[in-house]
Amino acid sequence: MSNTVSQETINIVKSTAPILKKHGQKITTRMYEVMFEQYPDV
């Protein structure tokens, strides 16, 4: 298993950063709603 991050992964992170900056709170709010609905023991 490699400990290095691929260039593809770096590109994906860089391309999604502006979206997360703009919509991060909405994304995480919805993520936790779904997580606790589907996995209440978490």
Protein backbone atom coordinates (compact mmCIF):
# COMPACT_ATOMS: atom_id res chain seq x y z
CA MET A 1 0.00 0.00 0.00
CA SER A 2 1.38 3.35 -1.03
CA ASN A 3 1.45 6.33 1.31
CA THR A 4 1.62 8.84 -1.52
CA VAL A 5 -1.32 10.74 -2.91
CA SER A 6 -1.83 10.39 -6.64
CA GLN A 7 -1.93 13.40 -8.93
CA GLU A 8 -5.51 12.47 -9.81
CA THR A 9 -6.52 12.69 -6.14
CA ILE A 10 -4.76 16.03 -5.77
CA ASN A 11 -6.60 17.35 -8.84
CA ILE A 12 -9.96 16.17 -7.48
CA VAL A 13 -9.38 17.84 -4.12
CA LYS A 14 -8.29 21.09 -5.76
CA SER A 15 -11.27 21.11 -8.11
CA THR A 16 -13.81 20.52 -5.33
CA ALA A 17 -12.36 22.98 -2.80
CA PRO A 18 -14.30 26.00 -4.13
CA ILE A 19 -17.56 24.04 -3.95
CA LEU A 20 -16.85 22.99 -0.38
CA LYS A 21 -15.96 26.55 0.55
CA LYS A 22 -19.25 27.83 -0.85
CA HIS A 23 -21.58 24.99 0.22
CA GLY A 24 -19.66 23.23 3.00
CA GLN A 25 -22.15 23.88 5.78
CA LYS A 26 -25.11 22.65 3.70
CA ILE A 27 -23.17 19.58 2.60
CA THR A 28 -22.08 18.60 6.11
CA THR A 29 -25.51 19.31 7.60
CA ARG A 30 -27.15 16.99 5.09
CA MET A 31 -24.38 14.39 5.46
CA TYR A 32 -24.96 14.17 9.22
CA GLU A 33 -28.75 14.03 8.78
CA VAL A 34 -28.41 11.04 6.45
CA MET A 35 -25.73 9.39 8.58
CA PHE A 36 -27.79 9.54 11.78
CA GLU A 37 -30.96 8.40 9.99
CA GLN A 38 -29.24 5.38 8.44
CA TYR A 39 -26.74 4.63 11.23
CA PRO A 40 -28.29 5.83 14.52
CA ASP A 41 -25.71 3.95 16.60
CA VAL A 42 -22.88 6.12 15.30
